Amino acid sequence: MSSFRKHRPDAPAGFFEAEAAGLRWLAAAAADGGALVVEVLDIGPGFLELQRLRAARPTAEAAEAFGRALAITHAAGAPAFGSPPDGWTGDGWIGRQRQAMRSTTSWGEFYAEQRVRPFVRLARDGGNLAADGAALVDRLCDRIAAGEFDDDRPPARLHGDLWAGNLVYTADGVVLIDPAAHGGHGQTDLAMLELFGCPGLDRIRAGYAEAAALPADWPERTPLHQLHPVAVHAVSHGPGYGRELIRLAKGYC
């Protein structure tokens, strides 16, 4: 098996260990039909060695099969909203930005306090989000934390950073890479795919919605689940994402 080694000499302590734990946690669901996950081969100070993947042409069949498999991965569950993957304790990262992973009893409290608010504050303090816009998102976070948007779905086993660059179409099907895995709401993974686009997205959505038995009105909550990735990008990619974050929040005000 050929391999690929990710190097980051300046990686903070636990950076690659958290990623490896997330990959293994997601891969554990593959035995029951969950999404395929790149194999961890080795790990050490400043590096993570992974199975090398051979990309293939995306197909509608592979996309729909991935949507169904992702629903199975999510259904494998997590101990709590915000819980880290098995084999890891403490914070994690999304890209190079640190984020909390603390077990929480409700999705709304977890999502508002650990995923949206911290990045809103960083974006505001960095000048990429206007103060009045930050206040608007903060008020929406109050409603999210209070449980206004909670449902009865249990914590899902999330990839957590599921944009098109973190899934690879191969001859064996779609394979997941580079997670920010944690316990959350399954729709969050779908919302991030929709935010940045993905080959076969319509078929992924259809396969997932059927396998996960999503309610008919589930697309109405997609912007809510996009608050986190947009806030993350507002910190690192400029005020354009800050304006997009305000636009998303206004849809619920």
Protein backbone atom coordinates (compact mmCIF):
# COMPACT_ATOMS: atom_id res chain seq x y z
CA MET A 1 0.00 0.00 0.00
CA SER A 2 1.44 3.36 -1.00
CA SER A 3 1.28 6.15 1.54
CA PHE A 4 1.12 9.91 1.92
CA ARG A 5 2.75 11.76 4.80
CA LYS A 6 1.36 15.03 6.11
CA HIS A 7 4.08 17.21 7.69
CA ARG A 8 3.63 20.16 9.99
CA PRO A 9 6.69 20.77 12.17
CA ASP A 10 4.93 23.63 13.99
CA ALA A 11 1.80 21.61 14.74
CA PRO A 12 0.49 22.20 18.27
CA ALA A 13 0.56 19.27 20.66
CA GLY A 14 -2.19 16.82 19.81
CA PHE A 15 -2.97 18.24 16.37
CA PHE A 16 -2.32 15.07 14.37
CA GLU A 17 -3.33 12.80 17.24
CA ALA A 18 -6.81 14.35 17.26
CA GLU A 19 -7.08 13.93 13.51
CA ALA A 20 -5.98 10.28 13.68
CA ALA A 21 -8.49 9.57 16.45
CA GLY A 22 -11.21 11.15 14.35
CA LEU A 23 -10.33 9.09 11.29
CA ARG A 24 -10.35 5.85 13.28
CA TRP A 25 -13.64 6.74 14.97
CA LEU A 26 -15.31 7.43 11.65
CA ALA A 27 -13.75 4.31 10.09
CA ALA A 28 -15.26 2.13 12.84
CA ALA A 29 -18.68 2.79 11.31
CA ALA A 30 -17.57 1.58 7.86
CA ALA A 31 -17.85 -2.05 8.98
CA ASP A 32 -21.61 -1.52 9.27
CA GLY A 33 -21.93 0.17 5.89
CA GLY A 34 -20.79 3.64 6.87
CA ALA A 35 -18.68 5.93 4.72
CA LEU A 36 -15.19 4.81 3.73
CA VAL A 37 -12.34 6.59 5.51
CA VAL A 38 -8.66 6.94 4.62
CA GLU A 39 -6.51 4.55 6.65
CA VAL A 40 -4.07 5.83 9.28
CA LEU A 41 -0.70 4.08 8.81
CA ASP A 42 1.59 5.91 11.23
CA ILE A 43 1.79 8.98 13.42
CA GLY A 44 4.61 10.79 15.16
CA PRO A 45 5.86 14.24 16.17
CA GLY A 46 4.78 16.65 13.44
CA PHE A 47 3.50 14.09 10.95
CA LEU A 48 0.62 11.79 10.06
CA GLU A 49 1.06 9.03 7.48
CA LEU A 50 -2.03 7.95 5.58
CA GLN A 51 -3.04 5.57 2.83
CA ARG A 52 -2.55 7.22 -0.57
CA LEU A 53 -5.81 7.47 -2.47
CA ARG A 54 -6.26 7.27 -6.23
CA ALA A 55 -8.91 9.69 -7.38
CA ALA A 56 -11.55 8.56 -9.88
CA ARG A 57 -14.25 10.29 -11.87
CA PRO A 58 -17.30 11.19 -9.76
CA THR A 59 -20.46 9.30 -10.69
CA ALA A 60 -24.08 9.75 -9.70
CA GLU A 61 -24.16 6.21 -8.32
CA ALA A 62 -21.13 6.79 -6.11
CA ALA A 63 -22.59 10.08 -4.87
CA GLU A 64 -25.91 8.53 -3.86
CA ALA A 65 -24.18 5.57 -2.24
CA PHE A 66 -22.03 8.00 -0.25
CA GLY A 67 -25.10 9.88 0.94
CA ARG A 68 -26.58 6.65 2.28
CA ALA A 69 -23.27 5.62 3.82
CA LEU A 70 -22.83 9.01 5.50
CA ALA A 71 -26.23 8.56 7.15
CA ILE A 72 -25.01 5.24 8.56
CA THR A 73 -21.84 6.87 9.88
CA HIS A 74 -23.88 9.55 11.60
CA ALA A 75 -26.22 6.93 13.04
CA ALA A 76 -23.23 5.17 14.64
CA GLY A 77 -23.57 7.98 17.14
CA ALA A 78 -21.50 9.77 19.74
CA PRO A 79 -21.63 9.86 23.54
CA ALA A 80 -22.88 13.47 23.56
CA PHE A 81 -23.07 16.65 21.55
CA GLY A 82 -19.59 18.12 21.52
CA SER A 83 -17.89 14.91 22.58
CA PRO A 84 -14.47 14.19 21.04
CA PRO A 85 -13.81 11.01 19.06
CA ASP A 86 -12.87 7.85 20.91
CA GLY A 87 -9.19 7.87 21.81
CA TRP A 88 -8.95 11.63 22.20
CA THR A 89 -9.67 14.09 25.01
CA GLY A 90 -9.48 17.85 24.93
CA ASP A 91 -9.91 20.40 22.18
CA GLY A 92 -9.72 19.74 18.46
CA TRP A 93 -9.10 21.79 15.33
CA ILE A 94 -10.97 22.79 12.21
CA GLY A 95 -8.25 23.51 9.69
CA ARG A 96 -5.67 25.28 11.82
CA GLN A 97 -8.15 26.90 14.18
CA ARG A 98 -8.68 25.39 17.61
CA GLN A 99 -12.20 24.59 18.75
CA ALA A 100 -13.65 23.15 21.92
CA MET A 101 -14.91 19.59 22.28
CA ARG A 102 -16.83 19.38 25.54
CA SER A 103 -19.72 16.99 26.07
CA THR A 104 -23.06 18.82 26.27
CA THR A 105 -26.57 17.51 26.82
CA SER A 106 -28.32 19.55 24.12
CA TRP A 107 -27.37 20.30 20.53
CA GLY A 108 -28.37 23.96 20.74
CA GLU A 109 -26.19 24.73 23.75
CA PHE A 110 -23.24 22.92 22.19
CA TYR A 111 -23.63 24.54 18.77
CA ALA A 112 -24.09 28.08 20.05
CA GLU A 113 -21.44 28.07 22.77
CA GLN A 114 -18.73 25.87 21.25
CA ARG A 115 -19.15 26.33 17.50
CA VAL A 116 -20.63 29.71 16.63
CA ARG A 117 -20.00 32.26 19.39
CA PRO A 118 -16.23 31.70 19.77
CA PHE A 119 -15.58 32.34 16.07
CA VAL A 120 -18.00 35.28 15.97
CA ARG A 121 -15.95 36.95 18.70
CA LEU A 122 -12.68 36.25 16.90
CA ALA A 123 -14.04 37.57 13.60
CA ARG A 124 -15.35 40.71 15.30
CA ASP A 125 -12.11 41.33 17.19
CA GLY A 126 -10.13 40.76 13.99
CA GLY A 127 -12.14 43.37 12.10
CA ASN A 128 -13.83 40.90 9.75
CA LEU A 129 -17.31 41.15 11.30
CA ALA A 130 -19.05 44.43 12.13
CA ALA A 131 -20.01 44.91 15.78
CA ASP A 132 -23.72 45.22 15.00
CA GLY A 133 -23.54 42.08 12.85
CA ALA A 134 -21.81 40.22 15.67
CA ALA A 135 -24.57 41.35 18.04
CA LEU A 136 -27.20 40.05 15.61
CA VAL A 137 -25.56 36.60 15.43
CA ASP A 138 -25.13 36.62 19.19
CA ARG A 139 -28.86 37.15 19.68
CA LEU A 140 -29.56 34.23 17.36
CA CYS A 141 -27.11 32.16 19.42
CA ASP A 142 -29.19 32.95 22.51
CA ARG A 143 -32.18 31.32 20.80
CA ILE A 144 -30.13 28.36 19.57
CA ALA A 145 -28.66 27.76 23.03
CA ALA A 146 -32.14 27.94 24.59
CA GLY A 147 -33.19 24.97 22.46
CA GLU A 148 -35.47 26.70 19.94
CA PHE A 149 -34.03 24.65 17.08
CA ASP A 150 -33.38 21.37 18.90
CA ASP A 151 -35.02 18.17 17.70
CA ASP A 152 -35.16 14.62 19.02
CA ARG A 153 -32.22 13.28 17.00
CA PRO A 154 -29.41 11.83 19.12
CA PRO A 155 -25.79 12.97 18.76
CA ALA A 156 -24.39 11.98 15.38
CA ARG A 157 -20.86 10.86 14.57
CA LEU A 158 -19.80 13.86 12.47
CA HIS A 159 -16.92 14.38 10.08
CA GLY A 160 -17.11 18.02 11.12
CA ASP A 161 -15.23 19.66 8.22
CA LEU A 162 -17.06 18.13 5.27
CA TRP A 163 -16.37 20.29 2.25
CA ALA A 164 -15.62 18.93 -1.23
CA GLY A 165 -11.86 18.90 -0.62
CA ASN A 166 -12.27 16.46 2.24
CA LEU A 167 -13.97 13.71 0.29
CA VAL A 168 -12.31 11.81 -2.53
CA TYR A 169 -14.08 9.87 -5.26
CA THR A 170 -12.16 6.63 -5.82
CA ALA A 171 -12.83 3.38 -7.70
CA ASP A 172 -14.13 1.94 -4.40
CA GLY A 173 -16.44 4.86 -3.67
CA VAL A 174 -16.18 8.14 -1.80
CA VAL A 175 -13.48 8.20 0.91
CA LEU A 176 -13.37 10.73 3.75
CA ILE A 177 -10.19 12.58 4.75
CA ASP A 178 -9.17 15.42 7.10
CA PRO A 179 -11.99 15.39 9.67
CA ALA A 180 -12.73 17.59 12.64
CA ALA A 181 -14.74 14.72 14.09
CA HIS A 182 -17.06 15.16 17.07
CA GLY A 183 -20.59 14.49 18.26
CA GLY A 184 -23.07 16.84 16.63
CA HIS A 185 -26.12 17.07 14.39
CA GLY A 186 -25.94 15.13 11.15
CA GLN A 187 -27.37 17.97 9.10
CA THR A 188 -24.25 20.02 9.86
CA ASP A 189 -22.15 17.85 7.56
CA LEU A 190 -24.72 18.18 4.77
CA ALA A 191 -24.91 21.95 5.24
CA MET A 192 -21.17 22.37 4.84
CA LEU A 193 -21.19 20.33 1.63
CA GLU A 194 -23.93 22.58 0.29
CA LEU A 195 -22.13 25.74 1.37
CA PHE A 196 -19.04 25.11 -0.73
CA GLY A 197 -20.47 22.79 -3.40
CA CYS A 198 -19.52 19.23 -4.25
CA PRO A 199 -19.64 16.92 -7.29
CA GLY A 200 -22.86 14.91 -7.13
CA LEU A 201 -24.31 17.02 -4.33
CA ASP A 202 -27.94 16.51 -5.36
CA ARG A 203 -27.52 12.73 -5.33
CA ILE A 204 -25.64 12.84 -2.01
CA ARG A 205 -28.48 14.86 -0.49
CA ALA A 206 -31.12 12.51 -1.87
CA GLY A 207 -29.36 9.37 -0.68
CA TYR A 208 -28.76 10.84 2.76
CA ALA A 209 -32.26 12.26 3.24
CA GLU A 210 -33.85 8.92 2.43
CA ALA A 211 -31.49 6.82 4.54
CA ALA A 212 -31.67 9.19 7.52
CA ALA A 213 -35.44 9.70 7.20
CA LEU A 214 -35.10 13.47 7.30
CA PRO A 215 -38.34 15.44 7.62
CA ALA A 216 -39.61 17.17 4.48
CA ASP A 217 -38.72 20.63 5.78
CA TRP A 218 -35.07 19.83 6.59
CA PRO A 219 -33.62 22.23 3.94
CA GLU A 220 -35.10 25.16 5.87
CA ARG A 221 -32.50 24.58 8.60
CA THR A 222 -29.48 24.35 6.30
CA PRO A 223 -28.44 28.02 6.82
CA LEU A 224 -28.54 27.49 10.58
CA HIS A 225 -26.00 24.69 10.27
CA GLN A 226 -23.83 26.86 8.02
CA LEU A 227 -23.26 29.48 10.73
CA HIS A 228 -20.27 27.62 12.13
CA PRO A 229 -18.22 27.11 8.95
CA VAL A 230 -18.99 30.63 7.75
CA ALA A 231 -17.93 32.07 11.13
CA VAL A 232 -14.70 30.02 10.94
CA HIS A 233 -14.00 31.45 7.50
CA ALA A 234 -14.84 34.96 8.68
CA VAL A 235 -11.92 34.65 11.09
CA SER A 236 -9.40 33.42 8.53
CA HIS A 237 -10.67 34.52 5.11
CA GLY A 238 -11.86 38.07 5.53
CA PRO A 239 -14.91 40.33 5.83
CA GLY A 240 -16.75 38.78 2.88
CA TYR A 241 -17.51 35.82 5.10
CA GLY A 242 -18.48 38.20 7.89
CA ARG A 243 -21.13 39.70 5.62
CA GLU A 244 -22.30 36.21 4.64
CA LEU A 245 -22.61 35.30 8.31
CA ILE A 246 -24.87 38.32 8.87
CA ARG A 247 -26.99 37.35 5.86
CA LEU A 248 -27.46 33.82 7.21
CA ALA A 249 -28.44 35.11 10.66
CA LYS A 250 -30.97 37.57 9.21
CA GLY A 251 -32.84 34.64 7.72
CA TYR A 252 -33.86 33.65 11.26
CA CYS A 253 -34.66 37.12 12.58
